[in-house]
Amino acid sequence: MTAIQGDITRQQVDAIVNAAKTSLLGGGGVDGAIHRAAGPELLAECRTIGGCPTGEARITRGYRLPARYVIHTPGPVWDGGDAGEDAILAACYRNSLALAAAHGLTSIAFPAISTGIYGFPPERATPIAVRECTMHLAGDTTITDIRFVCFDAHTLGLYRAELAVRAAR
């Protein structure tokens, strides 16, 4: 597992994960950037899926992206931390990884799901993301490359610190 700062739409991996809206029809932030970079074909395919409940995941082709696939997972909206947000966020990572493994993919790039406009505190989200990915890698999986693609230096620092803590265990 690695953490980098950059643009998730430029990652050359089997799949990038989209912090999607439940409609899967695009939006702002990472979701909008992925839809713009992939082109109108992504939206057309997403229209055929019929949405995705929060915490679950769906897969589409990557179209004009360097990634072959996009795994869409709607994360939880932060509501103070007592509305099951941690469990739902963990499910986003678990379900995305399970879908990637079910398709035989070996590399995947994640954004910091729900930490943008959905308001999930990055300091709380980062350990959840790293824990779920660590647990997945400990099992029987095709995935060998997990990247956390951070939008800013603050988030990158959180991921690098959490990865260092996990590596020291």
C-alpha atoms as a PDB file:
ATOM      1  CA  MET A   1       0.000   0.000   0.000  1.00  0.00           C
ATOM      2  CA  THR A   2       1.202   3.452  -0.833  1.00  0.00           C
ATOM      3  CA  ALA A   3      -0.036   7.000  -0.416  1.00  0.00           C
ATOM      4  CA  ILE A   4       0.623   9.672  -3.007  1.00  0.00           C
ATOM      5  CA  GLN A   5      -0.603  13.178  -3.707  1.00  0.00           C
ATOM      6  CA  GLY A   6      -2.054  13.606  -7.138  1.00  0.00           C
ATOM      7  CA  ASP A   7      -4.933  13.301  -9.548  1.00  0.00           C
ATOM      8  CA  ILE A   8      -6.766   9.982  -9.294  1.00  0.00           C
ATOM      9  CA  THR A   9      -7.956  10.307 -12.900  1.00  0.00           C
ATOM     10  CA  ARG A  10      -4.333   9.928 -14.082  1.00  0.00           C
ATOM     11  CA  GLN A  11      -3.555   6.700 -12.203  1.00  0.00           C
ATOM     12  CA  GLN A  12      -2.499   3.796 -14.391  1.00  0.00           C
ATOM     13  CA  VAL A  13      -4.159   1.020 -12.426  1.00  0.00           C
ATOM     14  CA  ASP A  14      -6.780  -1.614 -13.171  1.00  0.00           C
ATOM     15  CA  ALA A  15      -9.448   0.388 -11.315  1.00  0.00           C
ATOM     16  CA  ILE A  16      -9.902   3.739  -9.664  1.00  0.00           C
ATOM     17  CA  VAL A  17     -12.539   4.181  -7.000  1.00  0.00           C
ATOM     18  CA  ASN A  18     -15.096   6.917  -7.379  1.00  0.00           C
ATOM     19  CA  ALA A  19     -16.511   8.520  -4.222  1.00  0.00           C
ATOM     20  CA  ALA A  20     -19.867   8.596  -5.973  1.00  0.00           C
ATOM     21  CA  LYS A  21     -23.317   9.933  -5.300  1.00  0.00           C
ATOM     22  CA  THR A  22     -25.968   7.221  -4.885  1.00  0.00           C
ATOM     23  CA  SER A  23     -27.421   8.136  -8.294  1.00  0.00           C
ATOM     24  CA  LEU A  24     -24.014   7.389  -9.940  1.00  0.00           C
ATOM     25  CA  LEU A  25     -24.773  10.267 -12.304  1.00  0.00           C
ATOM     26  CA  GLY A  26     -21.832  12.483 -11.451  1.00  0.00           C
ATOM     27  CA  GLY A  27     -21.429  15.410  -9.128  1.00  0.00           C
ATOM     28  CA  GLY A  28     -18.674  17.563  -7.698  1.00  0.00           C
ATOM     29  CA  GLY A  29     -15.251  16.765  -6.299  1.00  0.00           C
ATOM     30  CA  VAL A  30     -13.727  13.394  -7.198  1.00  0.00           C
ATOM     31  CA  ASP A  31     -17.000  12.206  -8.722  1.00  0.00           C
ATOM     32  CA  GLY A  32     -17.183  15.108 -11.160  1.00  0.00           C
ATOM     33  CA  ALA A  33     -13.489  14.878 -12.032  1.00  0.00           C
ATOM     34  CA  ILE A  34     -13.791  11.171 -12.851  1.00  0.00           C
ATOM     35  CA  HIS A  35     -16.890  11.692 -14.990  1.00  0.00           C
ATOM     36  CA  ARG A  36     -15.231  14.559 -16.894  1.00  0.00           C
ATOM     37  CA  ALA A  37     -12.026  12.590 -17.514  1.00  0.00           C
ATOM     38  CA  ALA A  38     -13.815   9.376 -18.514  1.00  0.00           C
ATOM     39  CA  GLY A  39     -16.104  11.125 -20.989  1.00  0.00           C
ATOM     40  CA  PRO A  40     -19.854  10.904 -21.648  1.00  0.00           C
ATOM     41  CA  GLU A  41     -19.734   7.135 -22.121  1.00  0.00           C
ATOM     42  CA  LEU A  42     -19.276   6.705 -18.355  1.00  0.00           C
ATOM     43  CA  LEU A  43     -22.458   8.629 -17.611  1.00  0.00           C
ATOM     44  CA  ALA A  44     -24.317   6.627 -20.247  1.00  0.00           C
ATOM     45  CA  GLU A  45     -23.239   3.340 -18.620  1.00  0.00           C
ATOM     46  CA  CYS A  46     -24.036   4.639 -15.130  1.00  0.00           C
ATOM     47  CA  ARG A  47     -27.586   5.477 -16.265  1.00  0.00           C
ATOM     48  CA  THR A  48     -28.135   1.757 -16.982  1.00  0.00           C
ATOM     49  CA  ILE A  49     -27.141   0.676 -13.439  1.00  0.00           C
ATOM     50  CA  GLY A  50     -29.942   2.342 -11.512  1.00  0.00           C
ATOM     51  CA  GLY A  51     -27.870   3.822  -8.722  1.00  0.00           C
ATOM     52  CA  CYS A  52     -26.009   2.322  -5.784  1.00  0.00           C
ATOM     53  CA  PRO A  53     -26.881   2.354  -2.070  1.00  0.00           C
ATOM     54  CA  THR A  54     -24.469   4.021   0.344  1.00  0.00           C
ATOM     55  CA  GLY A  55     -21.686   1.636   1.360  1.00  0.00           C
ATOM     56  CA  GLU A  56     -22.116  -0.693  -1.625  1.00  0.00           C
ATOM     57  CA  ALA A  57     -20.093  -0.670  -4.858  1.00  0.00           C
ATOM     58  CA  ARG A  58     -20.671  -0.990  -8.605  1.00  0.00           C
ATOM     59  CA  ILE A  59     -18.166  -1.356 -11.450  1.00  0.00           C
ATOM     60  CA  THR A  60     -18.102   0.249 -14.898  1.00  0.00           C
ATOM     61  CA  ARG A  61     -15.585   0.565 -17.692  1.00  0.00           C
ATOM     62  CA  GLY A  62     -13.034   3.383 -17.460  1.00  0.00           C
ATOM     63  CA  TYR A  63     -13.525   4.686 -21.009  1.00  0.00           C
ATOM     64  CA  ARG A  64     -11.074   7.584 -21.556  1.00  0.00           C
ATOM     65  CA  LEU A  65      -9.275   7.059 -18.223  1.00  0.00           C
ATOM     66  CA  PRO A  66      -5.926   5.245 -17.995  1.00  0.00           C
ATOM     67  CA  ALA A  67      -7.692   2.862 -15.576  1.00  0.00           C
ATOM     68  CA  ARG A  68      -9.646   0.050 -17.216  1.00  0.00           C
ATOM     69  CA  TYR A  69     -12.467   0.263 -14.659  1.00  0.00           C
ATOM     70  CA  VAL A  70     -14.166   2.637 -12.256  1.00  0.00           C
ATOM     71  CA  ILE A  71     -15.554   1.240  -9.026  1.00  0.00           C
ATOM     72  CA  HIS A  72     -18.268   3.546  -7.722  1.00  0.00           C
ATOM     73  CA  THR A  73     -19.015   3.602  -3.988  1.00  0.00           C
ATOM     74  CA  PRO A  74     -21.222   6.172  -2.280  1.00  0.00           C
ATOM     75  CA  GLY A  75     -19.742   7.035   1.098  1.00  0.00           C
ATOM     76  CA  PRO A  76     -21.582   8.208   4.174  1.00  0.00           C
ATOM     77  CA  VAL A  77     -22.420  11.831   4.858  1.00  0.00           C
ATOM     78  CA  TRP A  78     -20.925  12.793   8.236  1.00  0.00           C
ATOM     79  CA  ASP A  79     -23.643  13.295  10.851  1.00  0.00           C
ATOM     80  CA  GLY A  80     -21.547  13.635  13.986  1.00  0.00           C
ATOM     81  CA  GLY A  81     -20.220  10.079  14.166  1.00  0.00           C
ATOM     82  CA  ASP A  82     -23.100   8.355  15.925  1.00  0.00           C
ATOM     83  CA  ALA A  83     -25.109   7.396  12.828  1.00  0.00           C
ATOM     84  CA  GLY A  84     -23.022   4.391  11.762  1.00  0.00           C
ATOM     85  CA  GLU A  85     -20.705   6.420   9.541  1.00  0.00           C
ATOM     86  CA  ASP A  86     -17.585   4.412  10.493  1.00  0.00           C
ATOM     87  CA  ALA A  87     -19.202   1.074   9.578  1.00  0.00           C
ATOM     88  CA  ILE A  88     -20.578   2.445   6.316  1.00  0.00           C
ATOM     89  CA  LEU A  89     -17.207   3.901   5.330  1.00  0.00           C
ATOM     90  CA  ALA A  90     -15.523   0.565   6.123  1.00  0.00           C
ATOM     91  CA  ALA A  91     -18.110  -1.157   3.910  1.00  0.00           C
ATOM     92  CA  CYS A  92     -17.213   1.192   1.027  1.00  0.00           C
ATOM     93  CA  TYR A  93     -13.603  -0.009   1.127  1.00  0.00           C
ATOM     94  CA  ARG A  94     -14.494  -3.686   1.718  1.00  0.00           C
ATOM     95  CA  ASN A  95     -17.077  -3.792  -1.073  1.00  0.00           C
ATOM     96  CA  SER A  96     -14.821  -1.953  -3.534  1.00  0.00           C
ATOM     97  CA  LEU A  97     -11.954  -4.360  -2.852  1.00  0.00           C
ATOM     98  CA  ALA A  98     -14.229  -7.407  -3.080  1.00  0.00           C
ATOM     99  CA  LEU A  99     -15.571  -6.214  -6.432  1.00  0.00           C
ATOM    100  CA  ALA A 100     -12.050  -5.602  -7.743  1.00  0.00           C
ATOM    101  CA  ALA A 101     -10.902  -9.061  -6.596  1.00  0.00           C
ATOM    102  CA  ALA A 102     -14.021 -10.696  -8.087  1.00  0.00           C
ATOM    103  CA  HIS A 103     -12.999  -9.210 -11.448  1.00  0.00           C
ATOM    104  CA  GLY A 104      -9.410 -10.466 -11.062  1.00  0.00           C
ATOM    105  CA  LEU A 105      -7.952  -6.967 -10.826  1.00  0.00           C
ATOM    106  CA  THR A 106      -4.476  -6.496  -9.357  1.00  0.00           C
ATOM    107  CA  SER A 107      -4.251  -2.724  -8.795  1.00  0.00           C
ATOM    108  CA  ILE A 108      -6.655  -0.177  -7.367  1.00  0.00           C
ATOM    109  CA  ALA A 109      -6.490   3.513  -6.418  1.00  0.00           C
ATOM    110  CA  PHE A 110      -8.697   5.052  -3.745  1.00  0.00           C
ATOM    111  CA  PRO A 111      -9.534   8.682  -3.000  1.00  0.00           C
ATOM    112  CA  ALA A 112     -10.214   9.679   0.615  1.00  0.00           C
ATOM    113  CA  ILE A 113     -13.866   8.613   0.460  1.00  0.00           C
ATOM    114  CA  SER A 114     -16.397  10.942   2.149  1.00  0.00           C
ATOM    115  CA  THR A 115     -13.782  13.410   3.442  1.00  0.00           C
ATOM    116  CA  GLY A 116     -14.672  16.191   1.029  1.00  0.00           C
ATOM    117  CA  ILE A 117     -18.123  17.735   0.819  1.00  0.00           C
ATOM    118  CA  TYR A 118     -19.593  14.792   2.797  1.00  0.00           C
ATOM    119  CA  GLY A 119     -17.654  16.093   5.808  1.00  0.00           C
ATOM    120  CA  PHE A 120     -16.186  12.871   7.242  1.00  0.00           C
ATOM    121  CA  PRO A 121     -13.160  13.959   9.319  1.00  0.00           C
ATOM    122  CA  PRO A 122     -10.024  12.772   7.474  1.00  0.00           C
ATOM    123  CA  GLU A 123      -8.292  12.031  10.794  1.00  0.00           C
ATOM    124  CA  ARG A 124     -11.055   9.513  11.523  1.00  0.00           C
ATOM    125  CA  ALA A 125     -11.481   8.182   7.978  1.00  0.00           C
ATOM    126  CA  THR A 126      -7.821   7.407   7.287  1.00  0.00           C
ATOM    127  CA  PRO A 127      -7.381   4.613   9.876  1.00  0.00           C
ATOM    128  CA  ILE A 128     -10.610   2.999   8.646  1.00  0.00           C
ATOM    129  CA  ALA A 129      -9.393   3.010   5.036  1.00  0.00           C
ATOM    130  CA  VAL A 130      -5.958   1.624   5.877  1.00  0.00           C
ATOM    131  CA  ARG A 131      -7.398  -1.022   8.231  1.00  0.00           C
ATOM    132  CA  GLU A 132      -9.867  -2.331   5.637  1.00  0.00           C
ATOM    133  CA  CYS A 133      -7.204  -2.487   2.922  1.00  0.00           C
ATOM    134  CA  THR A 134      -4.732  -4.195   5.268  1.00  0.00           C
ATOM    135  CA  MET A 135      -7.337  -6.804   6.178  1.00  0.00           C
ATOM    136  CA  HIS A 136      -8.143  -7.409   2.519  1.00  0.00           C
ATOM    137  CA  LEU A 137      -4.492  -7.896   1.600  1.00  0.00           C
ATOM    138  CA  ALA A 138      -4.113 -10.410   4.447  1.00  0.00           C
ATOM    139  CA  GLY A 139      -6.691 -12.659   2.775  1.00  0.00           C
ATOM    140  CA  ASP A 140      -6.797 -14.528  -0.504  1.00  0.00           C
ATOM    141  CA  THR A 141      -6.852 -11.788  -3.146  1.00  0.00           C
ATOM    142  CA  THR A 142      -5.652 -10.949  -6.627  1.00  0.00           C
ATOM    143  CA  ILE A 143      -4.891  -7.374  -5.544  1.00  0.00           C
ATOM    144  CA  THR A 144      -1.212  -6.551  -5.087  1.00  0.00           C
ATOM    145  CA  ASP A 145      -1.197  -2.743  -5.486  1.00  0.00           C
ATOM    146  CA  ILE A 146      -3.397  -0.422  -3.405  1.00  0.00           C
ATOM    147  CA  ARG A 147      -2.845   3.309  -3.740  1.00  0.00           C
ATOM    148  CA  PHE A 148      -4.362   6.069  -1.675  1.00  0.00           C
ATOM    149  CA  VAL A 149      -4.409   9.098  -3.965  1.00  0.00           C
ATOM    150  CA  CYS A 150      -4.633  12.218  -1.825  1.00  0.00           C
ATOM    151  CA  PHE A 151      -5.855  15.571  -3.071  1.00  0.00           C
ATOM    152  CA  ASP A 152      -3.810  17.630  -0.623  1.00  0.00           C
ATOM    153  CA  ALA A 153      -0.668  17.495   1.511  1.00  0.00           C
ATOM    154  CA  HIS A 154      -2.604  17.308   4.791  1.00  0.00           C
ATOM    155  CA  THR A 155      -4.451  14.139   3.739  1.00  0.00           C
ATOM    156  CA  LEU A 156      -1.244  12.667   2.328  1.00  0.00           C
ATOM    157  CA  GLY A 157       0.440  13.207   5.700  1.00  0.00           C
ATOM    158  CA  LEU A 158      -2.400  11.418   7.481  1.00  0.00           C
ATOM    159  CA  TYR A 159      -2.171   8.409   5.165  1.00  0.00           C
ATOM    160  CA  ARG A 160       1.619   8.201   5.344  1.00  0.00           C
ATOM    161  CA  ALA A 161       1.514   8.348   9.151  1.00  0.00           C
ATOM    162  CA  GLU A 162      -1.179   5.645   9.331  1.00  0.00           C
ATOM    163  CA  LEU A 163       0.692   3.415   6.884  1.00  0.00           C
ATOM    164  CA  ALA A 164       3.868   3.810   8.983  1.00  0.00           C
ATOM    165  CA  VAL A 165       1.959   2.811  12.131  1.00  0.00           C
ATOM    166  CA  ARG A 166       0.559  -0.290  10.377  1.00  0.00           C
ATOM    167  CA  ALA A 167       3.991  -1.230   9.033  1.00  0.00           C
ATOM    168  CA  ALA A 168       5.491  -1.015  12.523  1.00  0.00           C
ATOM    169  CA  ARG A 169       2.990  -3.560  13.925  1.00  0.00           C
END
